[in-house]
Amino acid sequence: MALLTVLNPRKGTYGGLDDALAELVELMDVLAERVTHLHPQVEIDGVPLQTHATYAREEVMAALGVSTIDAPVKPQGPAHWHEPTGTDVFFVTLDKSDRSFWPTTSYHDYAINDTLFHWESQAVTRLASETGQRYVNQRTGGTNVALFVRRSKTTPDGRTRPYFFAGLADYVSHRGERPIAITWQLRQPLPGDTFANFRAAVA
C-alpha cells in the first residue's frame, strides 16, 4: 500500500513533491478516523490549553504564563488562583491510596457523571473566606474554574501520571466547609472512556 511509504520512506519512493503531499493528505484522512478525543481550545484568552488533552503541572503553569524555562514554577497543593485570567486551577488525583496522601489532604473528589464533578476544597478553606466566596459565587463573579484530573499519582511503571484537562466548569451547589464540598458542571462532557476510568479509580 502506498500509505506505508510515508511511514517508512526510502529514497526514490516519490516522483516529486506533489506525490508526497498527496500521500500525506491520504494518511491524514486515515489517522483522523482513529481520533477518540477532540481537543477544543479552552475559552480563556491567551491561554494555549486544549480541553481533553493531558498536561503535567509544569505545562499548565507555563500555559498560564506563570512558569518559564528560566523560572519554572510548580504549584504547591491542589488549587492555584491565577489572578491575571481570573481562573481557579484545580489539580485532582482521584485515587488517594498512595502513601503521600495524608488524611488531611485526602479530599473526596469524583465524577458524578460525565458532566457533574464532586470536588472538595482544601481543609483550611472557610465558606466566609475570600477564596470560599469566590468558589460559591463563581457564576455571578465571572471567574473561571479549570479542572485537571488524573486517576492516580503514578502510572503502573512508576512514572508521574499527567493530568487530563476536563475543561472549564461552573458552580452548581455546595455544602459544608473546611472542606467545602462543591458540585461543578463541566461545560463539555467527559469522553465515555475517561469517565469510566475516573469512576473506576474511586470505586
N, C-alpha and C. Protein backbone atom coordinates (compact mmCIF):
# COMPACT_ATOMS: atom_id res chain seq x y z
N MET A 1 0.85 -1.19 0.00
CA MET A 1 0.00 0.00 0.00
C MET A 1 0.87 1.23 0.00
N ALA A 2 0.48 2.23 -0.78
CA ALA A 2 1.31 3.44 -0.91
C ALA A 2 1.46 4.18 0.40
N LEU A 3 0.42 4.10 1.27
CA LEU A 3 0.49 4.82 2.54
C LEU A 3 1.69 4.41 3.38
N LEU A 4 2.09 3.19 3.27
CA LEU A 4 3.20 2.70 4.07
C LEU A 4 4.50 3.41 3.72
N THR A 5 4.59 3.97 2.54
CA THR A 5 5.83 4.64 2.17
C THR A 5 6.01 5.92 2.95
N VAL A 6 4.90 6.53 3.42
CA VAL A 6 5.02 7.73 4.26
C VAL A 6 5.60 7.36 5.60
N LEU A 7 5.17 6.21 6.12
CA LEU A 7 5.64 5.77 7.43
C LEU A 7 7.05 5.19 7.37
N ASN A 8 7.46 4.71 6.19
CA ASN A 8 8.78 4.12 6.03
C ASN A 8 9.39 4.60 4.71
N PRO A 9 9.73 5.91 4.64
CA PRO A 9 10.19 6.48 3.38
C PRO A 9 11.55 5.93 2.96
N ARG A 10 11.73 5.82 1.65
CA ARG A 10 13.00 5.41 1.08
C ARG A 10 13.32 6.34 -0.07
N LYS A 11 14.56 6.56 -0.32
CA LYS A 11 14.98 7.44 -1.40
C LYS A 11 14.42 6.92 -2.73
N GLY A 12 13.83 7.82 -3.49
CA GLY A 12 13.31 7.46 -4.79
C GLY A 12 11.89 6.94 -4.77
N THR A 13 11.22 6.96 -3.59
CA THR A 13 9.87 6.43 -3.48
C THR A 13 8.87 7.29 -4.25
N TYR A 14 9.02 8.63 -4.18
CA TYR A 14 8.07 9.54 -4.79
C TYR A 14 8.62 10.13 -6.08
N GLY A 15 7.67 10.39 -7.01
CA GLY A 15 8.06 11.02 -8.26
C GLY A 15 8.35 12.50 -8.10
N GLY A 16 7.82 13.08 -7.05
CA GLY A 16 8.04 14.50 -6.80
C GLY A 16 7.32 14.95 -5.55
N LEU A 17 7.43 16.24 -5.24
CA LEU A 17 6.82 16.79 -4.03
C LEU A 17 5.30 16.64 -4.05
N ASP A 18 4.69 16.84 -5.19
CA ASP A 18 3.23 16.72 -5.27
C ASP A 18 2.75 15.32 -4.91
N ASP A 19 3.49 14.30 -5.33
CA ASP A 19 3.13 12.92 -4.99
C ASP A 19 3.23 12.69 -3.48
N ALA A 20 4.29 13.21 -2.90
CA ALA A 20 4.49 13.04 -1.46
C ALA A 20 3.39 13.75 -0.67
N LEU A 21 3.03 14.97 -1.07
CA LEU A 21 1.99 15.72 -0.38
C LEU A 21 0.63 15.03 -0.52
N ALA A 22 0.36 14.49 -1.71
CA ALA A 22 -0.91 13.79 -1.92
C ALA A 22 -1.02 12.60 -0.98
N GLU A 23 0.08 11.89 -0.79
CA GLU A 23 0.04 10.73 0.09
C GLU A 23 -0.10 11.14 1.55
N LEU A 24 0.50 12.28 1.93
CA LEU A 24 0.34 12.78 3.29
C LEU A 24 -1.11 13.13 3.57
N VAL A 25 -1.78 13.74 2.60
CA VAL A 25 -3.19 14.07 2.76
C VAL A 25 -4.01 12.80 2.96
N GLU A 26 -3.69 11.76 2.19
CA GLU A 26 -4.37 10.48 2.33
C GLU A 26 -4.13 9.89 3.72
N LEU A 27 -2.91 10.00 4.20
CA LEU A 27 -2.57 9.49 5.52
C LEU A 27 -3.34 10.23 6.61
N MET A 28 -3.48 11.55 6.49
CA MET A 28 -4.21 12.33 7.49
C MET A 28 -5.66 11.88 7.57
N ASP A 29 -6.26 11.55 6.42
CA ASP A 29 -7.64 11.06 6.41
C ASP A 29 -7.76 9.76 7.18
N VAL A 30 -6.78 8.87 7.00
CA VAL A 30 -6.80 7.58 7.70
C VAL A 30 -6.63 7.78 9.20
N LEU A 31 -5.68 8.63 9.58
CA LEU A 31 -5.43 8.86 11.00
C LEU A 31 -6.59 9.56 11.68
N ALA A 32 -7.30 10.43 10.95
CA ALA A 32 -8.44 11.14 11.52
C ALA A 32 -9.52 10.18 12.00
N GLU A 33 -9.64 9.04 11.33
CA GLU A 33 -10.63 8.05 11.71
C GLU A 33 -10.29 7.39 13.05
N ARG A 34 -9.05 7.52 13.50
CA ARG A 34 -8.61 6.89 14.74
C ARG A 34 -8.69 7.85 15.93
N VAL A 35 -9.07 9.09 15.71
CA VAL A 35 -9.14 10.07 16.79
C VAL A 35 -10.28 9.70 17.73
N THR A 36 -9.99 9.60 19.03
CA THR A 36 -11.00 9.26 20.02
C THR A 36 -11.46 10.47 20.82
N HIS A 37 -10.59 11.47 21.01
CA HIS A 37 -10.93 12.67 21.77
C HIS A 37 -10.61 13.90 20.94
N LEU A 38 -11.58 14.81 20.84
CA LEU A 38 -11.31 16.09 20.22
C LEU A 38 -10.76 17.02 21.29
N HIS A 39 -9.92 17.98 20.88
CA HIS A 39 -9.26 18.86 21.83
C HIS A 39 -9.55 20.32 21.50
N PRO A 40 -10.75 20.80 21.82
CA PRO A 40 -11.06 22.20 21.54
C PRO A 40 -10.23 23.15 22.40
N GLN A 41 -9.95 24.31 21.87
CA GLN A 41 -9.19 25.33 22.58
C GLN A 41 -9.99 25.81 23.78
N VAL A 42 -9.32 25.98 24.92
CA VAL A 42 -10.00 26.45 26.12
C VAL A 42 -10.45 27.90 25.92
N GLU A 43 -11.57 28.25 26.54
CA GLU A 43 -12.16 29.58 26.34
C GLU A 43 -11.59 30.60 27.31
N ILE A 44 -10.27 30.71 27.35
CA ILE A 44 -9.59 31.74 28.14
C ILE A 44 -8.61 32.42 27.21
N ASP A 45 -8.79 33.70 26.99
CA ASP A 45 -7.95 34.43 26.03
C ASP A 45 -6.46 34.31 26.38
N GLY A 46 -5.67 33.96 25.37
CA GLY A 46 -4.22 33.94 25.53
C GLY A 46 -3.67 32.72 26.26
N VAL A 47 -4.52 31.74 26.56
CA VAL A 47 -4.06 30.53 27.26
C VAL A 47 -4.10 29.35 26.30
N PRO A 48 -2.94 28.84 25.90
CA PRO A 48 -2.87 27.77 24.89
C PRO A 48 -3.07 26.37 25.47
N LEU A 49 -4.21 26.14 26.08
CA LEU A 49 -4.55 24.83 26.61
C LEU A 49 -5.73 24.27 25.83
N GLN A 50 -5.74 22.95 25.67
CA GLN A 50 -6.81 22.29 24.93
C GLN A 50 -7.59 21.35 25.84
N THR A 51 -8.90 21.51 25.84
CA THR A 51 -9.76 20.64 26.63
C THR A 51 -9.61 19.20 26.17
N HIS A 52 -9.58 18.29 27.15
CA HIS A 52 -9.47 16.84 26.94
C HIS A 52 -8.09 16.41 26.44
N ALA A 53 -7.10 17.29 26.60
CA ALA A 53 -5.70 16.92 26.37
C ALA A 53 -5.06 16.65 27.74
N THR A 54 -3.85 16.09 27.75
CA THR A 54 -3.18 15.80 29.01
C THR A 54 -1.95 16.69 29.19
N TYR A 55 -1.72 17.08 30.46
CA TYR A 55 -0.63 18.00 30.77
C TYR A 55 0.01 17.65 32.12
N ALA A 56 1.31 17.95 32.21
CA ALA A 56 1.98 17.95 33.51
C ALA A 56 1.66 19.29 34.18
N ARG A 57 1.81 19.35 35.48
CA ARG A 57 1.55 20.61 36.20
C ARG A 57 2.38 21.75 35.64
N GLU A 58 3.64 21.45 35.36
CA GLU A 58 4.53 22.50 34.86
C GLU A 58 4.05 23.04 33.53
N GLU A 59 3.48 22.19 32.69
CA GLU A 59 2.97 22.64 31.39
C GLU A 59 1.77 23.55 31.57
N VAL A 60 0.92 23.23 32.55
CA VAL A 60 -0.24 24.09 32.82
C VAL A 60 0.23 25.47 33.27
N MET A 61 1.19 25.51 34.17
CA MET A 61 1.69 26.78 34.68
C MET A 61 2.38 27.58 33.58
N ALA A 62 3.07 26.90 32.69
CA ALA A 62 3.71 27.58 31.56
C ALA A 62 2.66 28.17 30.63
N ALA A 63 1.57 27.44 30.39
CA ALA A 63 0.50 27.93 29.52
C ALA A 63 -0.17 29.17 30.11
N LEU A 64 -0.20 29.25 31.43
CA LEU A 64 -0.78 30.42 32.09
C LEU A 64 0.19 31.59 32.17
N GLY A 65 1.44 31.34 31.78
CA GLY A 65 2.44 32.40 31.82
C GLY A 65 3.09 32.57 33.17
N VAL A 66 2.79 31.67 34.10
CA VAL A 66 3.38 31.74 35.44
C VAL A 66 4.79 31.19 35.44
N SER A 67 4.99 30.13 34.67
CA SER A 67 6.26 29.42 34.65
C SER A 67 6.97 29.62 33.32
N THR A 68 8.29 29.74 33.36
CA THR A 68 9.11 29.83 32.16
C THR A 68 10.26 28.84 32.26
N ILE A 69 10.99 28.67 31.18
CA ILE A 69 12.15 27.77 31.19
C ILE A 69 13.17 28.23 32.22
N ASP A 70 13.38 29.55 32.30
CA ASP A 70 14.36 30.09 33.24
C ASP A 70 13.86 30.11 34.68
N ALA A 71 12.54 30.19 34.84
CA ALA A 71 11.97 30.26 36.19
C ALA A 71 10.76 29.32 36.28
N PRO A 72 11.01 28.01 36.30
CA PRO A 72 9.90 27.06 36.37
C PRO A 72 9.16 27.16 37.70
N VAL A 73 7.85 27.02 37.64
CA VAL A 73 7.01 27.07 38.83
C VAL A 73 6.13 25.84 38.88
N LYS A 74 6.17 25.14 39.99
CA LYS A 74 5.28 24.00 40.20
C LYS A 74 4.39 24.33 41.38
N PRO A 75 3.07 24.46 41.16
CA PRO A 75 2.20 24.87 42.26
C PRO A 75 2.20 23.87 43.40
N GLN A 76 2.15 24.39 44.61
CA GLN A 76 2.07 23.54 45.79
C GLN A 76 0.60 23.37 46.16
N GLY A 77 0.17 22.17 46.38
CA GLY A 77 -1.22 21.93 46.74
C GLY A 77 -2.10 21.73 45.53
N PRO A 78 -3.35 21.38 45.78
CA PRO A 78 -4.26 21.02 44.69
C PRO A 78 -4.98 22.19 44.02
N ALA A 79 -4.82 23.40 44.54
CA ALA A 79 -5.54 24.54 43.98
C ALA A 79 -4.61 25.73 43.77
N HIS A 80 -4.81 26.43 42.66
CA HIS A 80 -4.00 27.61 42.35
C HIS A 80 -4.90 28.68 41.76
N TRP A 81 -4.85 29.89 42.34
CA TRP A 81 -5.62 31.02 41.84
C TRP A 81 -4.75 31.84 40.90
N HIS A 82 -5.16 31.93 39.62
CA HIS A 82 -4.42 32.70 38.62
C HIS A 82 -5.18 33.99 38.37
N GLU A 83 -4.76 35.03 39.08
CA GLU A 83 -5.50 36.30 39.05
C GLU A 83 -5.54 36.97 37.68
N PRO A 84 -4.44 36.95 36.88
CA PRO A 84 -4.49 37.63 35.57
C PRO A 84 -5.63 37.16 34.66
N THR A 85 -5.97 35.88 34.72
CA THR A 85 -7.06 35.38 33.88
C THR A 85 -8.33 35.09 34.69
N GLY A 86 -8.28 35.37 35.99
CA GLY A 86 -9.44 35.10 36.83
C GLY A 86 -9.81 33.62 36.84
N THR A 87 -8.79 32.78 37.01
CA THR A 87 -9.02 31.33 36.91
C THR A 87 -8.55 30.59 38.15
N ASP A 88 -9.44 29.79 38.72
CA ASP A 88 -9.06 28.83 39.75
C ASP A 88 -8.69 27.53 39.05
N VAL A 89 -7.45 27.10 39.25
CA VAL A 89 -6.95 25.88 38.63
C VAL A 89 -6.90 24.79 39.70
N PHE A 90 -7.62 23.70 39.46
CA PHE A 90 -7.67 22.60 40.41
C PHE A 90 -6.97 21.38 39.83
N PHE A 91 -6.04 20.82 40.61
CA PHE A 91 -5.34 19.59 40.25
C PHE A 91 -5.87 18.47 41.14
N VAL A 92 -6.53 17.50 40.54
CA VAL A 92 -7.22 16.46 41.29
C VAL A 92 -6.62 15.09 40.99
N THR A 93 -6.24 14.37 42.04
CA THR A 93 -5.85 12.96 41.92
C THR A 93 -6.93 12.14 42.58
N LEU A 94 -7.60 11.29 41.83
CA LEU A 94 -8.76 10.57 42.35
C LEU A 94 -8.40 9.48 43.34
N ASP A 95 -7.42 8.65 43.00
CA ASP A 95 -7.01 7.54 43.86
C ASP A 95 -6.00 8.07 44.87
N LYS A 96 -6.43 8.19 46.11
CA LYS A 96 -5.57 8.75 47.15
C LYS A 96 -5.05 7.69 48.10
N SER A 97 -4.93 6.46 47.60
CA SER A 97 -4.41 5.38 48.43
C SER A 97 -2.89 5.46 48.56
N ASP A 98 -2.24 6.27 47.74
CA ASP A 98 -0.79 6.45 47.79
C ASP A 98 -0.39 6.97 49.17
N ARG A 99 0.76 6.53 49.66
CA ARG A 99 1.22 6.92 51.00
C ARG A 99 1.53 8.41 51.12
N SER A 100 1.67 9.12 49.97
CA SER A 100 1.97 10.54 50.04
C SER A 100 0.74 11.38 50.41
N PHE A 101 -0.45 10.74 50.43
CA PHE A 101 -1.66 11.45 50.82
C PHE A 101 -1.95 11.19 52.30
N TRP A 102 -2.12 12.29 53.05
CA TRP A 102 -2.45 12.19 54.46
C TRP A 102 -3.95 12.37 54.62
N PRO A 103 -4.51 11.95 55.75
CA PRO A 103 -5.95 12.13 55.97
C PRO A 103 -6.41 13.56 55.77
N THR A 104 -5.57 14.54 56.11
CA THR A 104 -5.96 15.95 55.98
C THR A 104 -5.92 16.43 54.53
N THR A 105 -5.35 15.64 53.62
CA THR A 105 -5.30 16.05 52.21
C THR A 105 -6.05 15.08 51.31
N SER A 106 -6.70 14.09 51.91
CA SER A 106 -7.43 13.09 51.11
C SER A 106 -8.87 13.56 50.86
N TYR A 107 -9.01 14.53 50.00
CA TYR A 107 -10.33 15.08 49.69
C TYR A 107 -11.14 14.08 48.87
N HIS A 108 -12.45 14.13 49.06
CA HIS A 108 -13.34 13.20 48.39
C HIS A 108 -13.77 13.78 47.05
N ASP A 109 -13.01 13.50 46.02
CA ASP A 109 -13.26 14.04 44.68
C ASP A 109 -13.65 12.90 43.74
N TYR A 110 -14.67 13.13 42.91
CA TYR A 110 -15.08 12.09 41.98
C TYR A 110 -16.03 12.65 40.93
N ALA A 111 -16.07 11.97 39.78
CA ALA A 111 -17.01 12.33 38.73
C ALA A 111 -18.35 11.69 39.05
N ILE A 112 -19.40 12.52 39.17
CA ILE A 112 -20.74 12.01 39.44
C ILE A 112 -21.30 11.36 38.18
N ASN A 113 -21.16 12.07 37.09
CA ASN A 113 -21.50 11.54 35.77
C ASN A 113 -20.58 12.23 34.76
N ASP A 114 -20.91 12.23 33.49
CA ASP A 114 -19.98 12.80 32.51
C ASP A 114 -19.98 14.31 32.47
N THR A 115 -20.89 14.97 33.22
CA THR A 115 -20.91 16.44 33.23
C THR A 115 -20.83 17.04 34.63
N LEU A 116 -21.04 16.25 35.67
CA LEU A 116 -21.00 16.76 37.04
C LEU A 116 -19.81 16.17 37.80
N PHE A 117 -19.13 17.04 38.55
CA PHE A 117 -17.94 16.60 39.29
C PHE A 117 -18.03 17.09 40.72
N HIS A 118 -17.86 16.16 41.67
CA HIS A 118 -17.85 16.50 43.09
C HIS A 118 -16.41 16.77 43.51
N TRP A 119 -16.19 17.94 44.11
CA TRP A 119 -14.83 18.36 44.48
C TRP A 119 -14.86 18.97 45.86
N GLU A 120 -13.80 18.75 46.63
CA GLU A 120 -13.71 19.34 47.96
C GLU A 120 -12.53 20.29 48.04
N SER A 121 -12.77 21.45 48.62
CA SER A 121 -11.72 22.46 48.78
C SER A 121 -10.69 21.99 49.79
N GLN A 122 -9.63 22.76 49.93
CA GLN A 122 -8.64 22.45 50.96
C GLN A 122 -9.28 22.59 52.33
N ALA A 123 -8.79 21.82 53.30
CA ALA A 123 -9.42 21.73 54.61
C ALA A 123 -9.44 23.06 55.36
N VAL A 124 -8.56 23.98 55.00
CA VAL A 124 -8.49 25.26 55.71
C VAL A 124 -9.47 26.29 55.15
N THR A 125 -10.15 25.98 54.06
CA THR A 125 -10.99 26.97 53.39
C THR A 125 -12.35 27.10 54.06
N ARG A 126 -12.60 28.29 54.60
CA ARG A 126 -13.90 28.59 55.21
C ARG A 126 -14.83 29.19 54.15
N LEU A 127 -16.10 28.96 54.32
CA LEU A 127 -17.08 29.47 53.38
C LEU A 127 -17.07 31.00 53.32
N ALA A 128 -16.82 31.64 54.46
CA ALA A 128 -16.84 33.10 54.52
C ALA A 128 -15.55 33.74 54.00
N SER A 129 -14.53 32.93 53.74
CA SER A 129 -13.26 33.48 53.28
C SER A 129 -13.37 34.00 51.85
N GLU A 130 -12.40 34.80 51.45
CA GLU A 130 -12.40 35.33 50.09
C GLU A 130 -12.38 34.20 49.07
N THR A 131 -11.58 33.18 49.34
CA THR A 131 -11.50 32.04 48.43
C THR A 131 -12.81 31.27 48.39
N GLY A 132 -13.38 31.00 49.56
CA GLY A 132 -14.64 30.27 49.63
C GLY A 132 -15.77 31.01 48.91
N GLN A 133 -15.83 32.32 49.09
CA GLN A 133 -16.86 33.11 48.41
C GLN A 133 -16.64 33.14 46.90
N ARG A 134 -15.38 33.14 46.47
CA ARG A 134 -15.11 33.12 45.03
C ARG A 134 -15.58 31.80 44.43
N TYR A 135 -15.38 30.72 45.15
CA TYR A 135 -15.82 29.42 44.66
C TYR A 135 -17.34 29.38 44.48
N VAL A 136 -18.07 29.70 45.55
CA VAL A 136 -19.53 29.50 45.52
C VAL A 136 -20.25 30.59 44.72
N ASN A 137 -19.57 31.69 44.46
CA ASN A 137 -20.15 32.76 43.63
C ASN A 137 -19.48 32.83 42.26
N GLN A 138 -18.96 31.70 41.82
CA GLN A 138 -18.20 31.67 40.55
C GLN A 138 -19.02 32.16 39.37
N ARG A 139 -20.26 31.75 39.29
CA ARG A 139 -21.09 32.16 38.14
C ARG A 139 -21.32 33.67 38.13
N THR A 140 -21.74 34.22 39.26
CA THR A 140 -22.02 35.66 39.31
C THR A 140 -20.74 36.48 39.28
N GLY A 141 -19.65 35.91 39.80
CA GLY A 141 -18.38 36.62 39.82
C GLY A 141 -17.66 36.61 38.48
N GLY A 142 -18.07 35.71 37.60
CA GLY A 142 -17.47 35.66 36.27
C GLY A 142 -16.07 35.09 36.23
N THR A 143 -15.69 34.31 37.25
CA THR A 143 -14.36 33.69 37.24
C THR A 143 -14.42 32.34 36.53
N ASN A 144 -13.25 31.81 36.23
CA ASN A 144 -13.13 30.51 35.58
C ASN A 144 -12.72 29.45 36.58
N VAL A 145 -13.16 28.23 36.36
CA VAL A 145 -12.67 27.06 37.09
C VAL A 145 -12.15 26.08 36.06
N ALA A 146 -10.86 25.77 36.14
CA ALA A 146 -10.23 24.83 35.20
C ALA A 146 -9.88 23.57 35.97
N LEU A 147 -10.44 22.46 35.54
CA LEU A 147 -10.33 21.21 36.29
C LEU A 147 -9.39 20.23 35.59
N PHE A 148 -8.28 19.90 36.27
CA PHE A 148 -7.30 18.93 35.76
C PHE A 148 -7.37 17.69 36.64
N VAL A 149 -7.61 16.55 36.04
CA VAL A 149 -7.88 15.33 36.81
C VAL A 149 -6.99 14.19 36.32
N ARG A 150 -6.50 13.40 37.26
CA ARG A 150 -5.80 12.17 36.90
C ARG A 150 -6.28 11.05 37.82
N ARG A 151 -6.21 9.85 37.31
CA ARG A 151 -6.69 8.69 38.07
C ARG A 151 -5.82 8.43 39.29
N SER A 152 -4.51 8.44 39.12
CA SER A 152 -3.58 8.16 40.21
C SER A 152 -2.33 9.01 40.04
N LYS A 153 -1.51 9.04 41.06
CA LYS A 153 -0.30 9.85 41.03
C LYS A 153 0.72 9.33 40.04
N THR A 154 0.82 8.00 39.93
CA THR A 154 1.82 7.40 39.05
C THR A 154 1.18 6.36 38.14
N THR A 155 1.87 6.06 37.05
CA THR A 155 1.44 5.02 36.13
C THR A 155 1.92 3.67 36.68
N PRO A 156 1.44 2.55 36.13
CA PRO A 156 1.89 1.23 36.61
C PRO A 156 3.40 1.04 36.57
N ASP A 157 4.09 1.74 35.64
CA ASP A 157 5.54 1.58 35.56
C ASP A 157 6.29 2.62 36.41
N GLY A 158 5.56 3.34 37.27
CA GLY A 158 6.20 4.24 38.23
C GLY A 158 6.43 5.66 37.76
N ARG A 159 5.96 6.02 36.57
CA ARG A 159 6.14 7.38 36.07
C ARG A 159 5.03 8.29 36.60
N THR A 160 5.35 9.59 36.70
CA THR A 160 4.35 10.55 37.13
C THR A 160 3.26 10.65 36.07
N ARG A 161 2.01 10.46 36.49
CA ARG A 161 0.90 10.49 35.55
C ARG A 161 0.49 11.94 35.26
N PRO A 162 0.31 12.29 34.00
CA PRO A 162 -0.14 13.65 33.68
C PRO A 162 -1.62 13.82 34.03
N TYR A 163 -2.07 15.06 33.99
CA TYR A 163 -3.47 15.37 34.28
C TYR A 163 -4.27 15.48 32.99
N PHE A 164 -5.49 14.99 33.03
CA PHE A 164 -6.44 15.14 31.92
C PHE A 164 -7.19 16.45 32.15
N PHE A 165 -7.16 17.33 31.18
CA PHE A 165 -7.84 18.61 31.32
C PHE A 165 -9.32 18.41 31.01
N ALA A 166 -10.12 18.30 32.07
CA ALA A 166 -11.56 18.08 31.90
C ALA A 166 -12.26 19.32 31.35
N GLY A 167 -11.57 20.45 31.39
CA GLY A 167 -12.12 21.68 30.84
C GLY A 167 -12.60 22.65 31.90
N LEU A 168 -13.32 23.67 31.45
CA LEU A 168 -13.87 24.66 32.37
C LEU A 168 -15.17 24.14 32.97
N ALA A 169 -15.45 24.60 34.19
CA ALA A 169 -16.63 24.13 34.90
C ALA A 169 -17.32 25.30 35.59
N ASP A 170 -18.60 25.12 35.90
CA ASP A 170 -19.39 26.16 36.55
C ASP A 170 -20.04 25.62 37.82
N TYR A 171 -20.19 26.51 38.79
CA TYR A 171 -20.76 26.16 40.10
C TYR A 171 -22.20 25.68 39.96
N VAL A 172 -22.52 24.61 40.71
CA VAL A 172 -23.90 24.11 40.78
C VAL A 172 -24.44 24.23 42.20
N SER A 173 -23.70 23.67 43.17
CA SER A 173 -24.17 23.69 44.56
C SER A 173 -22.99 23.42 45.49
N HIS A 174 -23.23 23.64 46.78
CA HIS A 174 -22.19 23.34 47.77
C HIS A 174 -22.84 22.99 49.10
N ARG A 175 -22.00 22.41 49.97
CA ARG A 175 -22.42 22.14 51.34
C ARG A 175 -21.19 22.10 52.23
N GLY A 176 -21.39 22.49 53.49
CA GLY A 176 -20.34 22.41 54.48
C GLY A 176 -19.19 23.38 54.26
N GLU A 177 -18.18 23.22 55.08
CA GLU A 177 -16.95 24.00 54.94
C GLU A 177 -15.82 23.27 55.66
N ARG A 178 -14.61 23.67 55.28
CA ARG A 178 -13.38 23.08 55.84
C ARG A 178 -13.41 21.54 55.79
N PRO A 179 -13.57 20.89 54.65
CA PRO A 179 -13.62 21.48 53.32
C PRO A 179 -15.04 21.85 52.86
N ILE A 180 -15.10 22.68 51.83
CA ILE A 180 -16.37 22.97 51.17
C ILE A 180 -16.54 21.93 50.07
N ALA A 181 -17.67 21.22 50.10
CA ALA A 181 -17.95 20.23 49.07
C ALA A 181 -18.76 20.91 47.97
N ILE A 182 -18.20 20.96 46.77
CA ILE A 182 -18.83 21.68 45.66
C ILE A 182 -19.09 20.73 44.50
N THR A 183 -20.26 20.90 43.89
CA THR A 183 -20.55 20.20 42.65
C THR A 183 -20.35 21.19 41.50
N TRP A 184 -19.50 20.82 40.55
CA TRP A 184 -19.21 21.64 39.38
C TRP A 184 -19.82 20.98 38.15
N GLN A 185 -20.28 21.80 37.22
CA GLN A 185 -20.80 21.28 35.95
C GLN A 185 -19.82 21.59 34.84
N LEU A 186 -19.32 20.54 34.22
CA LEU A 186 -18.37 20.69 33.11
C LEU A 186 -19.08 21.26 31.89
N ARG A 187 -18.42 22.18 31.21
CA ARG A 187 -19.02 22.77 30.01
C ARG A 187 -19.00 21.80 28.84
N GLN A 188 -18.08 20.84 28.89
CA GLN A 188 -18.04 19.80 27.87
C GLN A 188 -18.01 18.44 28.57
N PRO A 189 -18.88 17.52 28.17
CA PRO A 189 -18.93 16.21 28.84
C PRO A 189 -17.60 15.46 28.74
N LEU A 190 -17.31 14.67 29.75
CA LEU A 190 -16.15 13.79 29.70
C LEU A 190 -16.37 12.73 28.63
N PRO A 191 -15.33 12.37 27.88
CA PRO A 191 -15.47 11.22 26.96
C PRO A 191 -15.84 9.97 27.75
N GLY A 192 -16.58 9.07 27.13
CA GLY A 192 -17.07 7.89 27.83
C GLY A 192 -15.98 7.06 28.47
N ASP A 193 -14.86 6.86 27.75
CA ASP A 193 -13.80 6.02 28.30
C ASP A 193 -13.12 6.70 29.48
N THR A 194 -13.02 8.03 29.42
CA THR A 194 -12.39 8.77 30.52
C THR A 194 -13.27 8.73 31.76
N PHE A 195 -14.57 8.93 31.59
CA PHE A 195 -15.49 8.86 32.73
C PHE A 195 -15.43 7.48 33.38
N ALA A 196 -15.40 6.42 32.58
CA ALA A 196 -15.32 5.07 33.11
C ALA A 196 -14.02 4.86 33.89
N ASN A 197 -12.94 5.42 33.38
CA ASN A 197 -11.63 5.31 34.03
C ASN A 197 -11.63 6.05 35.36
N PHE A 198 -12.21 7.25 35.37
CA PHE A 198 -12.27 8.03 36.60
C PHE A 198 -13.16 7.35 37.64
N ARG A 199 -14.27 6.80 37.20
CA ARG A 199 -15.19 6.14 38.10
C ARG A 199 -14.53 4.92 38.74
N ALA A 200 -13.74 4.19 37.95
CA ALA A 200 -13.06 3.00 38.46
C ALA A 200 -12.02 3.36 39.52
N ALA A 201 -11.47 4.57 39.42
CA ALA A 201 -10.41 4.98 40.35
C ALA A 201 -10.93 5.17 41.77
N VAL A 202 -12.22 5.45 41.92
CA VAL A 202 -12.77 5.70 43.24
C VAL A 202 -13.82 4.65 43.63
N ALA A 203 -13.89 3.59 42.82
CA ALA A 203 -14.88 2.53 43.12
C ALA A 203 -14.50 1.77 44.38
